[in-house]
Amino acid sequence: MAVYLIADVKVTDDAWISDYAANVHEIVRNHGGKYLSRSGNITTIEGEGLATTLIALMEFPSIEAVQAFANDPAYAKYRQARQSGSISSLNVIDDTDVAGTIPYLPKG
């Protein structure tokens, strides 16, 4: 089962971005993860638009791998920089279907 880490980020001070972008993908990779997208091209199709600068989507092999990434001492300074220069949230979802009606997804 894969899990997906979704970072929803509204940048308030962009001083941290270049260092973060240049280094964090390697820390993600060290925990079996990979970026699927890190984009500011956000189009709202329905509902109220997000007050978001960028959304990053990463895939990890397990929730334990996400937690290991988030708690990695090598990530600590980048996490602090992101938290200081943005309003952001990190959320994890798995690859299940809550209704159990999509045949290629496990029931969640």
C-alpha atoms as a PDB file:
ATOM      1  CA  MET A   1       0.000   0.000   0.000  1.00  0.00           C
ATOM      2  CA  ALA A   2       1.288   3.465  -0.871  1.00  0.00           C
ATOM      3  CA  VAL A   3       0.632   6.606   1.110  1.00  0.00           C
ATOM      4  CA  TYR A   4       0.707  10.154  -0.164  1.00  0.00           C
ATOM      5  CA  LEU A   5       1.994  13.204   1.663  1.00  0.00           C
ATOM      6  CA  ILE A   6       0.287  16.407   0.568  1.00  0.00           C
ATOM      7  CA  ALA A   7       1.997  19.665   1.506  1.00  0.00           C
ATOM      8  CA  ASP A   8      -0.293  22.688   1.206  1.00  0.00           C
ATOM      9  CA  VAL A   9       1.885  25.794   1.438  1.00  0.00           C
ATOM     10  CA  LYS A  10       1.116  29.519   1.453  1.00  0.00           C
ATOM     11  CA  VAL A  11       4.482  31.288   1.303  1.00  0.00           C
ATOM     12  CA  THR A  12       4.794  34.338   3.546  1.00  0.00           C
ATOM     13  CA  ASP A  13       8.575  34.838   3.121  1.00  0.00           C
ATOM     14  CA  ASP A  14      10.288  33.161   0.169  1.00  0.00           C
ATOM     15  CA  ALA A  15      13.844  33.244   1.593  1.00  0.00           C
ATOM     16  CA  TRP A  16      13.712  29.505   2.434  1.00  0.00           C
ATOM     17  CA  ILE A  17      12.438  28.173  -0.880  1.00  0.00           C
ATOM     18  CA  SER A  18      15.607  27.730  -2.965  1.00  0.00           C
ATOM     19  CA  ASP A  19      17.531  25.887  -0.225  1.00  0.00           C
ATOM     20  CA  TYR A  20      14.501  23.731   0.599  1.00  0.00           C
ATOM     21  CA  ALA A  21      13.821  22.908  -3.049  1.00  0.00           C
ATOM     22  CA  ALA A  22      17.462  22.010  -3.683  1.00  0.00           C
ATOM     23  CA  ASN A  23      17.805  19.647  -0.717  1.00  0.00           C
ATOM     24  CA  VAL A  24      14.573  18.153   0.572  1.00  0.00           C
ATOM     25  CA  HIS A  25      13.870  15.870  -2.399  1.00  0.00           C
ATOM     26  CA  GLU A  26      17.009  13.877  -1.485  1.00  0.00           C
ATOM     27  CA  ILE A  27      15.797  13.456   2.111  1.00  0.00           C
ATOM     28  CA  VAL A  28      12.414  12.301   0.778  1.00  0.00           C
ATOM     29  CA  ARG A  29      14.228   9.783  -1.464  1.00  0.00           C
ATOM     30  CA  ASN A  30      16.269   8.515   1.489  1.00  0.00           C
ATOM     31  CA  HIS A  31      13.007   7.358   3.063  1.00  0.00           C
ATOM     32  CA  GLY A  32      11.705   5.579  -0.034  1.00  0.00           C
ATOM     33  CA  GLY A  33       9.626   8.536  -1.169  1.00  0.00           C
ATOM     34  CA  LYS A  34       9.438  10.524  -4.348  1.00  0.00           C
ATOM     35  CA  TYR A  35       7.862  13.775  -5.429  1.00  0.00           C
ATOM     36  CA  LEU A  36       4.952  13.326  -7.799  1.00  0.00           C
ATOM     37  CA  SER A  37       4.427  17.088  -8.113  1.00  0.00           C
ATOM     38  CA  ARG A  38       5.643  20.324  -6.571  1.00  0.00           C
ATOM     39  CA  SER A  39       3.630  22.968  -8.342  1.00  0.00           C
ATOM     40  CA  GLY A  40       2.175  26.421  -8.030  1.00  0.00           C
ATOM     41  CA  ASN A  41      -0.080  25.833 -11.042  1.00  0.00           C
ATOM     42  CA  ILE A  42      -3.291  25.410  -9.052  1.00  0.00           C
ATOM     43  CA  THR A  43      -6.602  25.726 -10.865  1.00  0.00           C
ATOM     44  CA  THR A  44      -9.841  25.590  -8.923  1.00  0.00           C
ATOM     45  CA  ILE A  45     -12.510  23.774 -10.929  1.00  0.00           C
ATOM     46  CA  GLU A  46     -15.274  23.953  -8.331  1.00  0.00           C
ATOM     47  CA  GLY A  47     -15.759  25.692  -4.995  1.00  0.00           C
ATOM     48  CA  GLU A  48     -13.723  28.389  -3.321  1.00  0.00           C
ATOM     49  CA  GLY A  49     -10.148  28.748  -4.530  1.00  0.00           C
ATOM     50  CA  LEU A  50      -7.259  27.919  -2.242  1.00  0.00           C
ATOM     51  CA  ALA A  51      -5.118  30.630  -0.673  1.00  0.00           C
ATOM     52  CA  THR A  52      -2.135  28.463  -1.513  1.00  0.00           C
ATOM     53  CA  THR A  53       1.154  29.269  -3.209  1.00  0.00           C
ATOM     54  CA  LEU A  54       2.076  25.660  -3.960  1.00  0.00           C
ATOM     55  CA  ILE A  55       1.086  22.089  -3.359  1.00  0.00           C
ATOM     56  CA  ALA A  56       3.587  19.261  -3.213  1.00  0.00           C
ATOM     57  CA  LEU A  57       2.515  15.649  -3.584  1.00  0.00           C
ATOM     58  CA  MET A  58       4.896  12.894  -2.497  1.00  0.00           C
ATOM     59  CA  GLU A  59       4.476   9.120  -2.537  1.00  0.00           C
ATOM     60  CA  PHE A  60       5.919   6.944   0.237  1.00  0.00           C
ATOM     61  CA  PRO A  61       5.778   3.185   0.781  1.00  0.00           C
ATOM     62  CA  SER A  62       4.183   3.490   4.253  1.00  0.00           C
ATOM     63  CA  ILE A  63       3.077   5.883   6.986  1.00  0.00           C
ATOM     64  CA  GLU A  64       6.186   4.806   8.905  1.00  0.00           C
ATOM     65  CA  ALA A  65       8.343   6.070   6.027  1.00  0.00           C
ATOM     66  CA  VAL A  66       6.523   9.432   6.090  1.00  0.00           C
ATOM     67  CA  GLN A  67       7.067   9.694   9.832  1.00  0.00           C
ATOM     68  CA  ALA A  68      10.748   8.783   9.451  1.00  0.00           C
ATOM     69  CA  PHE A  69      11.117  11.535   6.846  1.00  0.00           C
ATOM     70  CA  ALA A  70       9.288  14.103   8.987  1.00  0.00           C
ATOM     71  CA  ASN A  71      11.414  13.223  12.027  1.00  0.00           C
ATOM     72  CA  ASP A  72      14.750  12.918  10.194  1.00  0.00           C
ATOM     73  CA  PRO A  73      17.323  15.231  11.835  1.00  0.00           C
ATOM     74  CA  ALA A  74      18.531  16.128   8.325  1.00  0.00           C
ATOM     75  CA  TYR A  75      15.061  17.562   7.606  1.00  0.00           C
ATOM     76  CA  ALA A  76      14.773  19.587  10.835  1.00  0.00           C
ATOM     77  CA  LYS A  77      16.349  22.816   9.549  1.00  0.00           C
ATOM     78  CA  TYR A  78      14.264  22.727   6.353  1.00  0.00           C
ATOM     79  CA  ARG A  79      11.057  22.069   8.315  1.00  0.00           C
ATOM     80  CA  GLN A  80      11.868  25.030  10.581  1.00  0.00           C
ATOM     81  CA  ALA A  81      12.569  27.257   7.573  1.00  0.00           C
ATOM     82  CA  ARG A  82       9.288  26.222   5.896  1.00  0.00           C
ATOM     83  CA  GLN A  83       7.320  26.779   9.078  1.00  0.00           C
ATOM     84  CA  SER A  84       8.923  30.210   9.582  1.00  0.00           C
ATOM     85  CA  GLY A  85       8.322  31.324   5.999  1.00  0.00           C
ATOM     86  CA  SER A  86       4.879  29.915   5.301  1.00  0.00           C
ATOM     87  CA  ILE A  87       1.519  28.875   6.540  1.00  0.00           C
ATOM     88  CA  SER A  88       1.507  25.207   5.682  1.00  0.00           C
ATOM     89  CA  SER A  89       0.016  21.865   6.495  1.00  0.00           C
ATOM     90  CA  LEU A  90       1.183  18.336   5.768  1.00  0.00           C
ATOM     91  CA  ASN A  91      -1.481  15.682   5.328  1.00  0.00           C
ATOM     92  CA  VAL A  92      -1.233  11.970   4.569  1.00  0.00           C
ATOM     93  CA  ILE A  93      -3.741   9.893   2.653  1.00  0.00           C
ATOM     94  CA  ASP A  94      -3.514   6.249   1.650  1.00  0.00           C
ATOM     95  CA  ASP A  95      -4.520   4.520  -1.564  1.00  0.00           C
ATOM     96  CA  THR A  96      -7.836   3.108  -0.367  1.00  0.00           C
ATOM     97  CA  ASP A  97     -11.440   3.742  -1.384  1.00  0.00           C
ATOM     98  CA  VAL A  98     -13.651   4.646   1.578  1.00  0.00           C
ATOM     99  CA  ALA A  99     -16.761   3.375  -0.248  1.00  0.00           C
ATOM    100  CA  GLY A 100     -15.094   0.204  -1.463  1.00  0.00           C
ATOM    101  CA  THR A 101     -16.645   0.456  -4.939  1.00  0.00           C
ATOM    102  CA  ILE A 102     -13.537   1.140  -7.031  1.00  0.00           C
ATOM    103  CA  PRO A 103     -12.320  -2.340  -7.950  1.00  0.00           C
ATOM    104  CA  TYR A 104      -8.615  -1.525  -8.230  1.00  0.00           C
ATOM    105  CA  LEU A 105      -8.386   0.152  -4.795  1.00  0.00           C
ATOM    106  CA  PRO A 106      -8.549  -1.635  -1.469  1.00  0.00           C
ATOM    107  CA  LYS A 107     -11.534  -0.744   0.702  1.00  0.00           C
ATOM    108  CA  GLY A 108     -10.519   1.854   3.279  1.00  0.00           C
END
